[in-house]
Amino acid sequence: MTSSPASTTTFYLPEGLPAPAPEPDGLSAPYWDGLRESRLRVQRCAHCGTWQFGPEWICHGCHAFDPAWHDVEPSGRIYSWERVWHPSHPVLANATPYLVVLVELPHAGNVRMIGNLLGDPAQPVEIGASVRGVFEHHGDAPRPYSLLHWTVAG
């Protein structure tokens, strides 16, 4: 964990990673804007009700255009996980190991999303364990952004 130089806020990932941003066409902007407001947004088709994530311009179920964004509870269960020992970016060289989880959201059509699992990187991880989202805000960044991490519930 690192601290922001402008504040006493502690961040999970080390400084120096590229800041996430929506694509130039704005497809994922509602997702990133929601995180900045401590809200998790997932797409759902108004025509057939299919939930989907990652963002797409068309529904995975019926191929209707422009699925709507809906706020969903940032909670779910671990579908899969990995303890990462080899950094995917040079900045992470001294931050390994860390835990990455694939979280299934049962209240959003069982869509799945990847995120970091907070806590001890040596902790045991159980498939099916309940997790809740933790929003990490980087308001002092040149282009402010927020991340969603996960922590074991209870």
C-alpha atoms as a PDB file:
ATOM      1  CA  MET A   1       0.000   0.000   0.000  1.00  0.00           C
ATOM      2  CA  THR A   2       1.173   3.516  -0.738  1.00  0.00           C
ATOM      3  CA  SER A   3       0.188   6.929   0.499  1.00  0.00           C
ATOM      4  CA  SER A   4      -0.726   9.830  -1.708  1.00  0.00           C
ATOM      5  CA  PRO A   5       1.893  12.610  -1.390  1.00  0.00           C
ATOM      6  CA  ALA A   6      -0.793  15.300  -1.109  1.00  0.00           C
ATOM      7  CA  SER A   7      -2.746  13.598   1.666  1.00  0.00           C
ATOM      8  CA  THR A   8      -2.725  10.818   4.222  1.00  0.00           C
ATOM      9  CA  THR A   9      -4.903   8.596   2.026  1.00  0.00           C
ATOM     10  CA  THR A  10      -3.550   5.077   1.665  1.00  0.00           C
ATOM     11  CA  PHE A  11      -3.866   3.385  -1.713  1.00  0.00           C
ATOM     12  CA  TYR A  12      -3.712  -0.333  -2.400  1.00  0.00           C
ATOM     13  CA  LEU A  13      -1.561  -0.152  -5.534  1.00  0.00           C
ATOM     14  CA  PRO A  14       1.808   1.641  -5.778  1.00  0.00           C
ATOM     15  CA  GLU A  15       2.070   5.009  -7.503  1.00  0.00           C
ATOM     16  CA  GLY A  16       3.171   5.052 -11.111  1.00  0.00           C
ATOM     17  CA  LEU A  17       0.573   2.819 -12.752  1.00  0.00           C
ATOM     18  CA  PRO A  18      -1.305   4.315 -15.696  1.00  0.00           C
ATOM     19  CA  ALA A  19      -4.597   5.892 -14.626  1.00  0.00           C
ATOM     20  CA  PRO A  20      -7.671   4.135 -16.031  1.00  0.00           C
ATOM     21  CA  ALA A  21      -9.851   6.149 -18.392  1.00  0.00           C
ATOM     22  CA  PRO A  22     -12.846   5.532 -20.620  1.00  0.00           C
ATOM     23  CA  GLU A  23     -12.224   4.725 -24.258  1.00  0.00           C
ATOM     24  CA  PRO A  24     -12.215   7.724 -26.637  1.00  0.00           C
ATOM     25  CA  ASP A  25     -15.743   6.793 -27.785  1.00  0.00           C
ATOM     26  CA  GLY A  26     -17.012   6.988 -24.174  1.00  0.00           C
ATOM     27  CA  LEU A  27     -18.354   3.435 -24.049  1.00  0.00           C
ATOM     28  CA  SER A  28     -17.257   2.757 -20.454  1.00  0.00           C
ATOM     29  CA  ALA A  29     -17.621   6.349 -19.177  1.00  0.00           C
ATOM     30  CA  PRO A  30     -20.786   5.563 -17.146  1.00  0.00           C
ATOM     31  CA  TYR A  31     -18.876   2.791 -15.333  1.00  0.00           C
ATOM     32  CA  TRP A  32     -15.908   5.032 -14.447  1.00  0.00           C
ATOM     33  CA  ASP A  33     -18.199   7.977 -13.553  1.00  0.00           C
ATOM     34  CA  GLY A  34     -20.156   5.665 -11.244  1.00  0.00           C
ATOM     35  CA  LEU A  35     -16.993   4.569  -9.426  1.00  0.00           C
ATOM     36  CA  ARG A  36     -16.147   8.250  -8.811  1.00  0.00           C
ATOM     37  CA  GLU A  37     -19.564   8.490  -7.074  1.00  0.00           C
ATOM     38  CA  SER A  38     -18.973   5.235  -5.098  1.00  0.00           C
ATOM     39  CA  ARG A  39     -21.542   3.466  -7.272  1.00  0.00           C
ATOM     40  CA  LEU A  40     -21.086   0.270  -9.268  1.00  0.00           C
ATOM     41  CA  ARG A  41     -22.811   0.382 -12.649  1.00  0.00           C
ATOM     42  CA  VAL A  42     -23.468  -2.580 -14.924  1.00  0.00           C
ATOM     43  CA  GLN A  43     -25.283  -2.689 -18.268  1.00  0.00           C
ATOM     44  CA  ARG A  44     -28.711  -4.265 -18.676  1.00  0.00           C
ATOM     45  CA  CYS A  45     -30.706  -4.488 -21.875  1.00  0.00           C
ATOM     46  CA  ALA A  46     -34.065  -2.711 -21.764  1.00  0.00           C
ATOM     47  CA  HIS A  47     -35.408  -5.073 -24.450  1.00  0.00           C
ATOM     48  CA  CYS A  48     -34.562  -8.563 -23.130  1.00  0.00           C
ATOM     49  CA  GLY A  49     -33.253  -7.917 -19.592  1.00  0.00           C
ATOM     50  CA  THR A  50     -29.775  -9.398 -20.184  1.00  0.00           C
ATOM     51  CA  TRP A  51     -27.093  -8.138 -17.784  1.00  0.00           C
ATOM     52  CA  GLN A  52     -23.574  -7.705 -19.166  1.00  0.00           C
ATOM     53  CA  PHE A  53     -20.074  -6.570 -18.254  1.00  0.00           C
ATOM     54  CA  GLY A  54     -17.667  -5.361 -19.794  1.00  0.00           C
ATOM     55  CA  PRO A  55     -19.351  -2.582 -21.585  1.00  0.00           C
ATOM     56  CA  GLU A  56     -20.625  -3.061 -25.140  1.00  0.00           C
ATOM     57  CA  TRP A  57     -22.699  -0.981 -27.556  1.00  0.00           C
ATOM     58  CA  ILE A  58     -25.031  -3.925 -28.221  1.00  0.00           C
ATOM     59  CA  CYS A  59     -26.772  -6.456 -26.008  1.00  0.00           C
ATOM     60  CA  HIS A  60     -25.132  -9.880 -25.794  1.00  0.00           C
ATOM     61  CA  GLY A  61     -28.585 -11.496 -25.693  1.00  0.00           C
ATOM     62  CA  CYS A  62     -30.770  -9.873 -28.349  1.00  0.00           C
ATOM     63  CA  HIS A  63     -28.317  -7.538 -30.118  1.00  0.00           C
ATOM     64  CA  ALA A  64     -30.372  -4.427 -29.373  1.00  0.00           C
ATOM     65  CA  PHE A  65     -28.315  -1.237 -29.319  1.00  0.00           C
ATOM     66  CA  ASP A  66     -27.333   0.824 -26.274  1.00  0.00           C
ATOM     67  CA  PRO A  67     -27.938  -1.323 -23.180  1.00  0.00           C
ATOM     68  CA  ALA A  68     -28.752   0.921 -20.218  1.00  0.00           C
ATOM     69  CA  TRP A  69     -26.512   1.369 -17.176  1.00  0.00           C
ATOM     70  CA  HIS A  70     -27.898   0.402 -13.756  1.00  0.00           C
ATOM     71  CA  ASP A  71     -26.533   0.843 -10.265  1.00  0.00           C
ATOM     72  CA  VAL A  72     -26.005  -2.502  -8.549  1.00  0.00           C
ATOM     73  CA  GLU A  73     -24.905  -3.426  -5.083  1.00  0.00           C
ATOM     74  CA  PRO A  74     -21.102  -3.821  -4.989  1.00  0.00           C
ATOM     75  CA  SER A  75     -21.211  -7.283  -3.482  1.00  0.00           C
ATOM     76  CA  GLY A  76     -20.876 -10.773  -4.799  1.00  0.00           C
ATOM     77  CA  ARG A  77     -18.959 -13.999  -4.440  1.00  0.00           C
ATOM     78  CA  ILE A  78     -15.551 -15.181  -5.562  1.00  0.00           C
ATOM     79  CA  TYR A  79     -15.891 -17.208  -8.744  1.00  0.00           C
ATOM     80  CA  SER A  80     -12.139 -17.638  -9.306  1.00  0.00           C
ATOM     81  CA  TRP A  81      -8.892 -16.141  -8.068  1.00  0.00           C
ATOM     82  CA  GLU A  82      -5.137 -15.979  -8.567  1.00  0.00           C
ATOM     83  CA  ARG A  83      -2.193 -15.050  -6.384  1.00  0.00           C
ATOM     84  CA  VAL A  84       0.005 -12.980  -8.700  1.00  0.00           C
ATOM     85  CA  TRP A  85       3.749 -13.494  -8.291  1.00  0.00           C
ATOM     86  CA  HIS A  86       4.984 -11.988 -11.556  1.00  0.00           C
ATOM     87  CA  PRO A  87       4.278  -8.264 -11.976  1.00  0.00           C
ATOM     88  CA  SER A  88       2.318  -7.206 -15.045  1.00  0.00           C
ATOM     89  CA  HIS A  89       3.861  -3.710 -14.900  1.00  0.00           C
ATOM     90  CA  PRO A  90       7.336  -2.599 -13.733  1.00  0.00           C
ATOM     91  CA  VAL A  91       5.799  -0.493 -10.925  1.00  0.00           C
ATOM     92  CA  LEU A  92       4.405  -3.700  -9.392  1.00  0.00           C
ATOM     93  CA  ALA A  93       7.845  -5.348  -9.110  1.00  0.00           C
ATOM     94  CA  ASN A  94       7.978  -4.777  -5.339  1.00  0.00           C
ATOM     95  CA  ALA A  95       4.225  -5.224  -4.768  1.00  0.00           C
ATOM     96  CA  THR A  96       3.997  -8.975  -5.336  1.00  0.00           C
ATOM     97  CA  PRO A  97       2.357 -11.166  -4.448  1.00  0.00           C
ATOM     98  CA  TYR A  98      -1.118  -9.706  -4.676  1.00  0.00           C
ATOM     99  CA  LEU A  99      -4.529 -11.306  -5.087  1.00  0.00           C
ATOM    100  CA  VAL A 100      -6.820 -10.916  -8.086  1.00  0.00           C
ATOM    101  CA  VAL A 101     -10.388 -12.209  -7.915  1.00  0.00           C
ATOM    102  CA  LEU A 102     -13.105 -12.815 -10.461  1.00  0.00           C
ATOM    103  CA  VAL A 103     -16.274 -11.736  -8.676  1.00  0.00           C
ATOM    104  CA  GLU A 104     -19.725 -12.949  -9.696  1.00  0.00           C
ATOM    105  CA  LEU A 105     -22.604 -10.551  -9.032  1.00  0.00           C
ATOM    106  CA  PRO A 106     -25.699 -12.701  -8.326  1.00  0.00           C
ATOM    107  CA  HIS A 107     -28.027  -9.667  -8.203  1.00  0.00           C
ATOM    108  CA  ALA A 108     -26.842  -8.551 -11.693  1.00  0.00           C
ATOM    109  CA  GLY A 109     -27.440 -11.667 -13.739  1.00  0.00           C
ATOM    110  CA  ASN A 110     -24.263 -13.347 -12.454  1.00  0.00           C
ATOM    111  CA  VAL A 111     -22.000 -11.108 -14.545  1.00  0.00           C
ATOM    112  CA  ARG A 112     -18.368 -11.320 -13.482  1.00  0.00           C
ATOM    113  CA  MET A 113     -15.709  -8.688 -13.018  1.00  0.00           C
ATOM    114  CA  ILE A 114     -12.054  -8.756 -12.051  1.00  0.00           C
ATOM    115  CA  GLY A 115     -10.528  -6.817  -9.181  1.00  0.00           C
ATOM    116  CA  ASN A 116      -7.919  -6.877  -6.468  1.00  0.00           C
ATOM    117  CA  LEU A 117      -8.699  -8.653  -3.193  1.00  0.00           C
ATOM    118  CA  LEU A 118      -7.638  -6.439  -0.302  1.00  0.00           C
ATOM    119  CA  GLY A 119      -5.874  -7.764   2.774  1.00  0.00           C
ATOM    120  CA  ASP A 120      -2.985 -10.091   3.393  1.00  0.00           C
ATOM    121  CA  PRO A 121      -1.746 -11.450   0.037  1.00  0.00           C
ATOM    122  CA  ALA A 122      -1.047 -14.780   1.809  1.00  0.00           C
ATOM    123  CA  GLN A 123      -4.637 -15.107   3.077  1.00  0.00           C
ATOM    124  CA  PRO A 124      -6.526 -18.250   2.109  1.00  0.00           C
ATOM    125  CA  VAL A 125      -9.092 -17.584  -0.613  1.00  0.00           C
ATOM    126  CA  GLU A 126     -12.235 -19.682  -1.009  1.00  0.00           C
ATOM    127  CA  ILE A 127     -14.322 -20.040  -4.149  1.00  0.00           C
ATOM    128  CA  GLY A 128     -17.837 -18.872  -3.290  1.00  0.00           C
ATOM    129  CA  ALA A 129     -16.727 -16.578  -0.446  1.00  0.00           C
ATOM    130  CA  SER A 130     -18.825 -13.416  -0.128  1.00  0.00           C
ATOM    131  CA  VAL A 131     -17.067 -10.170  -0.970  1.00  0.00           C
ATOM    132  CA  ARG A 132     -18.031  -6.529  -0.928  1.00  0.00           C
ATOM    133  CA  GLY A 133     -16.690  -3.678  -3.003  1.00  0.00           C
ATOM    134  CA  VAL A 134     -14.354  -1.013  -1.642  1.00  0.00           C
ATOM    135  CA  PHE A 135     -14.056   2.219  -3.616  1.00  0.00           C
ATOM    136  CA  GLU A 136     -10.618   3.825  -3.790  1.00  0.00           C
ATOM    137  CA  HIS A 137     -10.741   7.459  -4.908  1.00  0.00           C
ATOM    138  CA  HIS A 138      -7.809   9.250  -6.526  1.00  0.00           C
ATOM    139  CA  GLY A 139      -9.241  12.762  -6.502  1.00  0.00           C
ATOM    140  CA  ASP A 140      -5.830  14.457  -6.457  1.00  0.00           C
ATOM    141  CA  ALA A 141      -4.607  12.721  -9.625  1.00  0.00           C
ATOM    142  CA  PRO A 142      -4.073  14.910 -12.721  1.00  0.00           C
ATOM    143  CA  ARG A 143      -7.155  13.180 -14.172  1.00  0.00           C
ATOM    144  CA  PRO A 144      -9.174  12.078 -11.097  1.00  0.00           C
ATOM    145  CA  TYR A 145     -10.376   8.477 -11.092  1.00  0.00           C
ATOM    146  CA  SER A 146     -11.641   5.767  -8.772  1.00  0.00           C
ATOM    147  CA  LEU A 147     -11.044   2.030  -8.532  1.00  0.00           C
ATOM    148  CA  LEU A 148     -13.153  -0.805  -7.183  1.00  0.00           C
ATOM    149  CA  HIS A 149     -11.368  -3.402  -5.056  1.00  0.00           C
ATOM    150  CA  TRP A 150     -12.900  -6.300  -3.132  1.00  0.00           C
ATOM    151  CA  THR A 151     -12.702  -7.464   0.461  1.00  0.00           C
ATOM    152  CA  VAL A 152     -14.020 -10.622   2.076  1.00  0.00           C
ATOM    153  CA  ALA A 153     -17.383  -9.830   3.698  1.00  0.00           C
ATOM    154  CA  GLY A 154     -17.895 -10.527   7.377  1.00  0.00           C
END
